[in-house]
């Protein structure tokens, strides 16, 4: 693919039989340690943590590095999402096939995110991370909670908000749902035009190549972005801020790990893919998200990588960008656990019926969580307001550690969207397992 560095040599090691569930081929490719994106980003993350812990003032001063990198990424995310979805729909040619792929993707998204929400509720009820929390800490963030409450919308406003005010508006505001809406319209129009629109389809493909080259250039700065983000986070909040909410963080991280290993592992196994080989394949993207706490930073690379890994070219271009708004597995787990956490902190016993109601509301409100900055808190605010069971000010309890948990959410979202592309491609009979193994071996 254009803009994608060529693979390098590899060495192979045999995996013990106990891992065969995750690696059907029994092989995990390894690469000698040298200067590549994986090593650079991982080094930057460790260095950022050390700087933030030892010299918090230096760590906070490095925030512009993270802000600058994220701004560069957001500069290209909107155009890439637009171009890949337009190209995906138009490239399919048959609108019935495009609709079929889209419907399968949406059904898959709904099933998997509902499972994620349910798992979050079950774990939070079992381990009760909110028990014993001092709610007096919530009073210090009243203004912040109020600012998120002001951004919540009714269901009608939400759907109307998907329609942009102009063609340029979605790219100016970086509204992912509006970009999706506009891209679907353009893609359908080009598909309807048929041969008469072939010149435009070729133009979209050429522009996509240019944008992916831009991404390759921006990725050179990824280690600096990771360094700034981690140094600022640790410098601002401090490691000691994690102590009081360590149980919640532990539950969230453990639940997401189990979700990836079990739920997504089973999905991949059904597709004939090993989970460990898949995780190894996307390790650069995982580390990038770990350093920046933004799954968007890896979106362009994920589209390219899943195409090379045997997914249908047009299917990957349609499923992955759409999944960034509708397939937020990590966010779903966090949202359901956060609701129960707040209830436990305020000694509110939620009945099974009330929890099922919250689950239903979250199934709707969580779909827009990636559309705006702070979307997770806006979604939580909308859910608490709609259910009228829990105090909205309880959100303030989560402020201190939300930034530390955002990495887990973003990484789980990233992994889940790649799995979705493989699963939908498999449903369409497009997935090439041999191409996946070649890509994993070359990684």
Protein backbone atom coordinates (compact mmCIF):
# COMPACT_ATOMS: atom_id res chain seq x y z
CA UNK A 1 0.00 0.00 0.00
CA UNK A 2 1.17 3.55 -0.69
CA UNK A 3 2.89 5.25 2.16
CA UNK A 4 3.40 1.99 4.02
CA UNK A 5 6.97 1.02 4.90
CA UNK A 6 8.19 -2.25 3.45
CA UNK A 7 8.43 -5.24 5.76
CA UNK A 8 11.75 -6.46 7.03
CA UNK A 9 13.19 -9.84 7.82
CA UNK A 10 11.90 -12.02 10.61
CA UNK A 11 12.70 -14.94 12.81
CA UNK A 12 10.16 -17.54 13.90
CA UNK A 13 9.71 -19.34 17.18
CA UNK A 14 7.42 -22.26 17.95
CA UNK A 15 4.59 -21.59 20.38
CA UNK A 16 3.71 -24.16 23.06
CA UNK A 17 0.50 -26.12 22.49
CA UNK A 18 -1.33 -24.27 25.27
CA UNK A 19 -1.48 -21.23 23.00
CA UNK A 20 -2.90 -23.12 20.03
CA UNK A 21 -6.38 -21.75 20.77
CA UNK A 22 -5.07 -18.29 20.04
CA UNK A 23 -2.52 -19.27 17.38
CA UNK A 24 -3.79 -22.05 15.12
CA UNK A 25 -0.61 -22.01 13.08
CA UNK A 26 1.54 -22.48 16.18
CA UNK A 27 3.90 -19.75 15.04
CA UNK A 28 4.50 -16.25 16.38
CA UNK A 29 6.82 -14.19 14.20
CA UNK A 30 9.41 -12.14 15.97
CA UNK A 31 11.70 -9.41 14.70
CA UNK A 32 15.11 -8.44 16.02
CA UNK A 33 15.01 -5.34 18.20
CA UNK A 34 16.10 -2.33 16.22
CA UNK A 35 14.91 1.17 15.51
CA UNK A 36 11.32 0.92 14.35
CA UNK A 37 8.01 2.46 15.36
CA UNK A 38 7.33 -0.18 18.03
CA UNK A 39 10.62 0.40 19.85
CA UNK A 40 10.46 4.17 19.46
CA UNK A 41 6.90 4.54 20.81
CA UNK A 42 7.45 2.09 23.67
CA UNK A 43 10.64 3.90 24.67
CA UNK A 44 8.82 7.23 24.50
CA UNK A 45 6.01 5.95 26.74
CA UNK A 46 8.45 4.70 29.40
CA UNK A 47 10.46 7.91 29.22
CA UNK A 48 7.28 9.98 29.49
CA UNK A 49 6.18 8.13 32.63
CA UNK A 50 9.61 8.65 34.21
CA UNK A 51 9.66 12.36 33.41
CA UNK A 52 6.13 12.87 34.71
CA UNK A 53 6.84 11.00 37.94
CA UNK A 54 10.26 12.53 38.68
CA UNK A 55 9.73 16.06 37.34
CA UNK A 56 5.99 16.82 37.09
CA UNK A 57 6.67 20.39 35.96
CA UNK A 58 8.71 19.13 33.01
CA UNK A 59 6.05 16.57 32.20
CA UNK A 60 3.27 19.15 32.08
CA UNK A 61 5.46 21.39 29.93
CA UNK A 62 5.66 18.63 27.31
CA UNK A 63 1.91 18.68 26.67
CA UNK A 64 2.29 20.67 23.40
CA UNK A 65 4.07 17.66 21.87
CA UNK A 66 0.98 15.53 22.43
CA UNK A 67 -1.44 18.26 21.37
CA UNK A 68 0.51 18.94 18.18
CA UNK A 69 0.63 15.28 17.18
CA UNK A 70 -3.08 14.71 17.84
CA UNK A 71 -3.92 17.82 15.81
CA UNK A 72 -1.86 16.48 12.92
CA UNK A 73 -3.66 13.15 13.09
CA UNK A 74 -7.09 14.77 13.24
CA UNK A 75 -6.08 16.82 10.22
CA UNK A 76 -6.10 13.67 8.08
CA UNK A 77 -8.64 11.43 9.86
CA UNK A 78 -11.71 13.21 8.44
CA UNK A 79 -10.54 13.14 4.81
CA UNK A 80 -9.34 9.52 5.11
CA UNK A 81 -12.63 8.34 6.61
CA UNK A 82 -14.51 10.18 3.87
CA UNK A 83 -12.35 8.87 1.03
CA UNK A 84 -12.23 5.25 2.24
CA UNK A 85 -15.99 5.01 2.77
CA UNK A 86 -16.78 6.72 -0.53
CA UNK A 87 -14.28 4.46 -2.29
CA UNK A 88 -15.61 1.41 -0.47
CA UNK A 89 -19.25 1.97 -1.41
CA UNK A 90 -18.53 3.15 -4.95
CA UNK A 91 -15.96 0.38 -5.47
CA UNK A 92 -18.53 -2.29 -4.66
CA UNK A 93 -20.59 -1.02 -7.57
CA UNK A 94 -23.66 -2.96 -6.46
CA UNK A 95 -25.64 -0.95 -3.91
CA UNK A 96 -27.29 -4.13 -2.70
CA UNK A 97 -23.90 -5.55 -1.81
CA UNK A 98 -22.84 -2.32 -0.11
CA UNK A 99 -26.08 -2.34 1.87
CA UNK A 100 -25.58 -5.98 2.78
CA UNK A 101 -22.05 -5.35 4.05
CA UNK A 102 -23.21 -2.29 5.99
CA UNK A 103 -26.11 -4.19 7.55
CA UNK A 104 -23.89 -7.11 8.56
CA UNK A 105 -21.41 -4.69 10.08
CA UNK A 106 -24.10 -2.85 12.07
CA UNK A 107 -25.62 -6.11 13.36
CA UNK A 108 -22.17 -7.33 14.37
CA UNK A 109 -21.43 -4.00 16.08
CA UNK A 110 -24.68 -4.12 18.05
CA UNK A 111 -24.21 -7.71 19.20
CA UNK A 112 -20.58 -7.27 20.30
CA UNK A 113 -21.08 -3.89 22.02
CA UNK A 114 -24.13 -5.24 23.86
CA UNK A 115 -22.01 -8.16 25.11
CA UNK A 116 -19.37 -5.64 26.21
CA UNK A 117 -21.96 -3.56 28.09
CA UNK A 118 -23.38 -6.66 29.78
CA UNK A 119 -19.92 -7.90 30.81
CA UNK A 120 -19.18 -4.50 32.35
CA UNK A 121 -22.36 -4.65 34.42
CA UNK A 122 -21.66 -8.19 35.61
CA UNK A 123 -18.06 -7.46 36.67
CA UNK A 124 -18.99 -4.21 38.43
CA UNK A 125 -21.68 -6.03 40.42
CA UNK A 126 -19.34 -8.88 41.33
CA UNK A 127 -16.34 -6.84 42.49
CA UNK A 128 -18.12 -3.63 43.64
CA UNK A 129 -15.31 -1.14 42.85
CA UNK A 130 -17.42 1.78 44.10
CA UNK A 131 -17.91 0.44 47.61
CA UNK A 132 -16.21 2.61 50.22
CA UNK A 133 -15.46 5.54 47.89
CA UNK A 134 -15.60 8.97 49.55
CA UNK A 135 -18.20 10.94 47.55
CA UNK A 136 -17.02 14.20 49.09
CA UNK A 137 -14.32 14.23 46.42
CA UNK A 138 -17.01 14.86 43.82
CA UNK A 139 -17.68 18.41 44.97
CA UNK A 140 -14.44 19.78 43.57
CA UNK A 141 -15.43 19.21 39.95
CA UNK A 142 -18.95 20.63 39.92
CA UNK A 143 -18.21 23.13 37.16
CA UNK A 144 -16.68 20.46 34.93
CA UNK A 145 -19.70 18.20 35.36
CA UNK A 146 -22.01 21.09 34.51
CA UNK A 147 -20.06 21.77 31.31
CA UNK A 148 -20.60 18.20 30.13
CA UNK A 149 -24.26 18.29 31.10
CA UNK A 150 -24.73 21.32 28.86
CA UNK A 151 -23.50 19.32 25.86
CA UNK A 152 -26.05 16.51 26.16
CA UNK A 153 -28.79 16.31 23.57
CA UNK A 154 -32.16 14.67 23.17
CA UNK A 155 -32.59 11.73 20.79
CA UNK A 156 -34.10 13.99 18.14
CA UNK A 157 -31.24 16.48 18.48
CA UNK A 158 -28.73 13.64 18.22
CA UNK A 159 -30.12 12.38 14.89
CA UNK A 160 -30.52 15.90 13.51
CA UNK A 161 -26.94 16.59 14.54
CA UNK A 162 -25.75 13.83 12.19
CA UNK A 163 -26.82 16.00 9.24
CA UNK A 164 -24.12 18.64 8.62
CA UNK A 165 -24.94 22.29 8.00
CA UNK A 166 -22.70 22.31 4.93
CA UNK A 167 -20.41 20.03 2.96
CA UNK A 168 -17.34 21.51 4.64
CA UNK A 169 -18.73 21.59 8.20
CA UNK A 170 -17.89 17.96 9.19
CA UNK A 171 -14.24 18.45 8.25
CA UNK A 172 -14.03 21.76 10.09
CA UNK A 173 -15.51 20.38 13.32
CA UNK A 174 -14.04 16.85 12.98
CA UNK A 175 -17.48 15.35 13.61
CA UNK A 176 -17.05 11.67 12.72
CA UNK A 177 -20.76 10.90 12.43
CA UNK A 178 -21.31 13.80 10.03
CA UNK A 179 -18.32 12.70 7.95
CA UNK A 180 -19.82 9.20 7.80
CA UNK A 181 -23.20 10.58 6.72
CA UNK A 182 -21.66 12.70 3.98
CA UNK A 183 -19.42 9.87 2.78
CA UNK A 184 -22.33 7.43 2.51
CA UNK A 185 -24.28 9.94 0.41
CA UNK A 186 -21.32 10.53 -1.93
CA UNK A 187 -20.57 6.81 -2.18
CA UNK A 188 -24.18 5.96 -3.05
CA UNK A 189 -24.24 8.75 -5.65
CA UNK A 190 -21.10 7.45 -7.34
CA UNK A 191 -22.42 3.88 -7.27
CA UNK A 192 -25.68 5.02 -8.89
CA UNK A 193 -23.77 6.88 -11.61
CA UNK A 194 -22.04 3.67 -12.61
CA UNK A 195 -19.50 4.03 -15.45
CA UNK A 196 -20.23 7.75 -15.69
CA UNK A 197 -18.76 8.21 -12.23
CA UNK A 198 -15.65 6.09 -12.84
CA UNK A 199 -13.48 9.19 -13.23
CA UNK A 200 -14.51 10.35 -9.76
CA UNK A 201 -13.87 6.91 -8.27
CA UNK A 202 -10.36 6.95 -9.73
CA UNK A 203 -9.87 10.42 -8.27
CA UNK A 204 -10.96 9.20 -4.84
CA UNK A 205 -8.48 6.33 -5.04
CA UNK A 206 -5.62 8.67 -6.01
CA UNK A 207 -6.49 11.10 -3.22
CA UNK A 208 -6.58 8.19 -0.77
CA UNK A 209 -3.04 7.28 -1.79
CA UNK A 210 -1.92 10.85 -1.18
CA UNK A 211 -3.55 10.96 2.26
CA UNK A 212 -1.97 7.66 3.30
CA UNK A 213 1.42 9.07 2.28
CA UNK A 214 0.71 12.07 4.50
CA UNK A 215 -0.09 9.66 7.33
CA UNK A 216 3.26 7.91 6.85
CA UNK A 217 5.00 11.27 7.25
CA UNK A 218 3.00 12.19 10.37
CA UNK A 219 3.73 8.81 11.98
CA UNK A 220 7.41 9.76 12.11
CA UNK A 221 6.40 12.10 14.95
CA UNK A 222 4.43 9.45 16.87
CA UNK A 223 7.14 8.90 19.52
CA UNK A 224 7.15 12.62 20.36
CA UNK A 225 3.36 12.59 20.70
CA UNK A 226 3.50 9.57 23.00
CA UNK A 227 6.25 11.13 25.09
CA UNK A 228 4.30 14.37 25.58
CA UNK A 229 1.01 12.64 26.37
CA UNK A 230 2.38 10.26 28.99
CA UNK A 231 4.64 12.85 30.64
CA UNK A 232 1.74 15.31 30.95
CA UNK A 233 -0.72 12.74 32.28
CA UNK A 234 1.59 11.44 35.00
CA UNK A 235 2.90 14.94 35.79
CA UNK A 236 -0.58 16.43 36.17
CA UNK A 237 -2.32 13.69 38.14
CA UNK A 238 0.57 11.93 39.81
CA UNK A 239 0.82 8.25 40.54
CA UNK A 240 -0.65 8.82 44.03
CA UNK A 241 -3.97 9.90 42.50
CA UNK A 242 -4.53 6.31 41.41
CA UNK A 243 -4.59 4.83 44.90
CA UNK A 244 -8.16 5.66 45.90
CA UNK A 245 -9.62 4.43 42.63
CA UNK A 246 -7.17 1.58 41.99
CA UNK A 247 -9.92 -1.03 42.37
CA UNK A 248 -12.02 0.57 39.64
CA UNK A 249 -9.01 0.83 37.34
CA UNK A 250 -8.05 -2.77 38.01
CA UNK A 251 -11.59 -3.97 37.27
CA UNK A 252 -11.77 -1.96 34.04
CA UNK A 253 -8.40 -3.16 32.75
CA UNK A 254 -9.06 -6.78 33.73
CA UNK A 255 -12.54 -6.77 32.20
CA UNK A 256 -11.26 -5.39 28.91
CA UNK A 257 -8.46 -7.95 28.85
CA UNK A 258 -10.96 -10.78 29.41
CA UNK A 259 -13.24 -9.35 26.71
CA UNK A 260 -10.38 -9.31 24.20
CA UNK A 261 -9.09 -12.77 25.14
CA UNK A 262 -12.45 -14.51 25.31
CA UNK A 263 -15.05 -12.71 23.19
CA UNK A 264 -12.81 -11.36 20.45
CA UNK A 265 -10.61 -14.46 20.68
CA UNK A 266 -13.62 -16.66 19.92
CA UNK A 267 -14.63 -14.45 16.97
CA UNK A 268 -11.12 -14.64 15.52
CA UNK A 269 -10.95 -18.38 16.12
CA UNK A 270 -14.20 -18.77 14.16
CA UNK A 271 -12.50 -16.88 11.32
CA UNK A 272 -9.47 -19.18 11.45
CA UNK A 273 -7.19 -16.51 12.92
CA UNK A 274 -5.05 -16.71 16.06
CA UNK A 275 -5.55 -13.92 18.57
CA UNK A 276 -1.87 -13.63 19.47
CA UNK A 277 -0.86 -13.44 15.82
CA UNK A 278 -3.46 -10.75 15.27
CA UNK A 279 -2.26 -8.73 18.27
CA UNK A 280 1.32 -9.11 17.08
CA UNK A 281 0.30 -7.86 13.64
CA UNK A 282 -1.18 -4.64 15.04
CA UNK A 283 1.32 -4.11 17.85
CA UNK A 284 2.57 -0.81 16.37
CA UNK A 285 -0.97 0.56 16.34
CA UNK A 286 -1.60 -0.67 19.90
CA UNK A 287 1.51 1.08 21.18
CA UNK A 288 0.59 4.22 19.27
CA UNK A 289 -2.82 4.28 20.94
CA UNK A 290 -1.24 3.49 24.32
CA UNK A 291 0.98 6.52 24.02
CA UNK A 292 -1.61 8.97 22.70
CA UNK A 293 -4.82 7.63 24.35
CA UNK A 294 -6.53 8.18 21.00
CA UNK A 295 -7.72 5.32 18.81
CA UNK A 296 -8.07 7.82 15.97
CA UNK A 297 -4.30 8.12 15.80
CA UNK A 298 -4.12 4.56 14.43
CA UNK A 299 -7.22 4.60 12.18
CA UNK A 300 -5.45 5.20 8.83
CA UNK A 301 -2.82 2.54 9.54
CA UNK A 302 -5.49 0.03 10.62
CA UNK A 303 -7.33 0.41 7.32
CA UNK A 304 -4.13 -0.25 5.39
CA UNK A 305 -3.04 -3.11 7.63
CA UNK A 306 -6.37 -4.95 7.56
CA UNK A 307 -6.46 -4.69 3.78
CA UNK A 308 -3.01 -6.29 3.59
CA UNK A 309 -4.06 -8.89 6.17
CA UNK A 310 -6.65 -10.53 3.93
CA UNK A 311 -9.75 -8.39 4.50
CA UNK A 312 -11.77 -7.24 1.50
CA UNK A 313 -10.38 -3.93 0.25
CA UNK A 314 -13.75 -2.18 0.09
CA UNK A 315 -15.11 -3.99 3.14
CA UNK A 316 -12.23 -2.83 5.35
CA UNK A 317 -12.64 0.70 4.02
CA UNK A 318 -16.30 0.66 5.03
CA UNK A 319 -16.26 -1.34 8.29
CA UNK A 320 -13.29 0.17 10.15
CA UNK A 321 -14.24 3.88 9.85
CA UNK A 322 -17.86 3.05 10.68
CA UNK A 323 -16.72 1.03 13.68
CA UNK A 324 -15.06 4.10 15.13
CA UNK A 325 -18.56 5.46 15.81
CA UNK A 326 -20.60 2.28 16.26
CA UNK A 327 -18.23 -0.41 17.54
CA UNK A 328 -16.72 1.02 20.72
CA UNK A 329 -16.18 -2.14 22.75
CA UNK A 330 -13.81 -0.62 25.30
CA UNK A 331 -15.95 2.46 25.76
CA UNK A 332 -19.04 0.27 26.25
CA UNK A 333 -17.36 -1.71 29.03
CA UNK A 334 -16.19 1.47 30.73
CA UNK A 335 -19.59 3.17 30.51
CA UNK A 336 -21.53 0.30 32.07
CA UNK A 337 -18.96 -0.15 34.85
CA UNK A 338 -18.91 3.60 35.54
CA UNK A 339 -22.68 3.69 36.04
CA UNK A 340 -22.61 0.85 38.57
CA UNK A 341 -19.52 2.37 40.23
CA UNK A 342 -21.37 5.66 40.83
CA UNK A 343 -24.39 3.79 42.23
CA UNK A 344 -22.18 1.87 44.66
CA UNK A 345 -20.30 5.02 45.72
CA UNK A 346 -23.60 6.73 46.60
CA UNK A 347 -25.04 3.57 48.23
CA UNK A 348 -27.83 3.32 45.67
CA UNK A 349 -29.06 -0.23 45.16
CA UNK A 350 -30.00 -0.54 41.49
CA UNK A 351 -32.45 -3.32 40.75
CA UNK A 352 -31.94 -5.75 37.89
CA UNK A 353 -34.68 -3.93 35.99
CA UNK A 354 -32.96 -0.57 36.46
CA UNK A 355 -29.63 -2.00 35.30
CA UNK A 356 -31.27 -3.48 32.21
CA UNK A 357 -32.82 -0.08 31.53
CA UNK A 358 -29.39 1.54 31.80
CA UNK A 359 -28.04 -1.13 29.44
CA UNK A 360 -30.73 -0.25 26.91
CA UNK A 361 -30.04 3.48 27.16
CA UNK A 362 -26.29 2.92 26.82
CA UNK A 363 -26.88 0.83 23.69
CA UNK A 364 -28.16 4.04 22.08
CA UNK A 365 -26.13 6.80 23.73
CA UNK A 366 -22.77 5.02 23.39
CA UNK A 367 -22.97 5.13 19.59
CA UNK A 368 -22.05 8.80 19.55
CA UNK A 369 -19.31 8.62 22.15
CA UNK A 370 -16.50 9.06 19.62
CA UNK A 371 -18.04 12.00 17.79
CA UNK A 372 -16.74 14.71 20.13
CA UNK A 373 -13.94 15.32 22.63
CA UNK A 374 -15.07 14.18 26.07
CA UNK A 375 -17.68 11.99 24.40
CA UNK A 376 -17.49 9.37 27.15
CA UNK A 377 -18.48 11.87 29.85
CA UNK A 378 -21.18 13.37 27.64
CA UNK A 379 -22.58 9.88 27.06
CA UNK A 380 -22.52 9.15 30.79
CA UNK A 381 -24.22 12.45 31.53
CA UNK A 382 -26.93 11.74 28.98
CA UNK A 383 -27.45 8.26 30.42
CA UNK A 384 -27.67 9.42 34.04
CA UNK A 385 -30.05 12.20 33.04
CA UNK A 386 -32.27 9.85 31.03
CA UNK A 387 -32.50 7.13 33.69
CA UNK A 388 -32.98 9.57 36.63
CA UNK A 389 -31.61 7.00 39.06
CA UNK A 390 -28.11 8.30 39.81
CA UNK A 391 -26.73 11.78 40.62
CA UNK A 392 -24.99 13.40 37.64
CA UNK A 393 -22.41 14.94 39.96
CA UNK A 394 -21.11 11.41 40.54
CA UNK A 395 -19.17 11.79 37.31
CA UNK A 396 -16.69 13.95 39.19
CA UNK A 397 -15.50 10.83 41.02
CA UNK A 398 -14.06 9.57 37.75
CA UNK A 399 -12.17 12.68 36.66
CA UNK A 400 -8.93 11.87 38.46
CA UNK A 401 -8.39 8.52 36.75
CA UNK A 402 -10.36 8.83 33.53
CA UNK A 403 -7.23 9.81 31.62
CA UNK A 404 -5.42 6.71 32.88
CA UNK A 405 -8.28 4.46 31.78
CA UNK A 406 -8.67 6.07 28.38
CA UNK A 407 -5.73 4.04 27.07
CA UNK A 408 -7.53 0.79 27.88
CA UNK A 409 -10.72 2.03 26.22
CA UNK A 410 -8.93 3.19 23.09
CA UNK A 411 -6.84 0.03 22.73
CA UNK A 412 -9.88 -2.22 23.15
CA UNK A 413 -11.80 -0.14 20.60
CA UNK A 414 -8.89 -0.45 18.17
CA UNK A 415 -8.57 -4.22 18.58
CA UNK A 416 -12.34 -4.65 18.26
CA UNK A 417 -12.56 -2.72 15.00
CA UNK A 418 -9.83 -4.78 13.39
CA UNK A 419 -11.63 -7.96 14.46
CA UNK A 420 -14.87 -6.54 13.01
CA UNK A 421 -13.20 -6.04 9.62
CA UNK A 422 -11.99 -9.66 9.65
CA UNK A 423 -15.39 -11.00 10.77
CA UNK A 424 -17.44 -9.08 8.18
CA UNK A 425 -14.96 -9.97 5.44
CA UNK A 426 -15.32 -13.62 6.47
CA UNK A 427 -19.13 -13.33 6.32
CA UNK A 428 -18.79 -11.96 2.79
CA UNK A 429 -16.48 -14.80 1.79
CA UNK A 430 -13.67 -12.31 1.13
CA UNK A 431 -11.27 -13.03 3.96
CA UNK A 432 -7.96 -14.52 2.80
CA UNK A 433 -6.39 -16.41 5.70
CA UNK A 434 -3.21 -17.03 3.70
CA UNK A 435 -2.79 -13.26 3.18
CA UNK A 436 -3.29 -12.72 6.92
CA UNK A 437 -0.56 -15.23 7.75
CA UNK A 438 1.80 -13.61 5.25
CA UNK A 439 1.13 -10.19 6.77
CA UNK A 440 1.63 -11.53 10.31
CA UNK A 441 4.86 -13.27 9.31
CA UNK A 442 6.17 -10.08 7.72
CA UNK A 443 5.22 -7.89 10.67
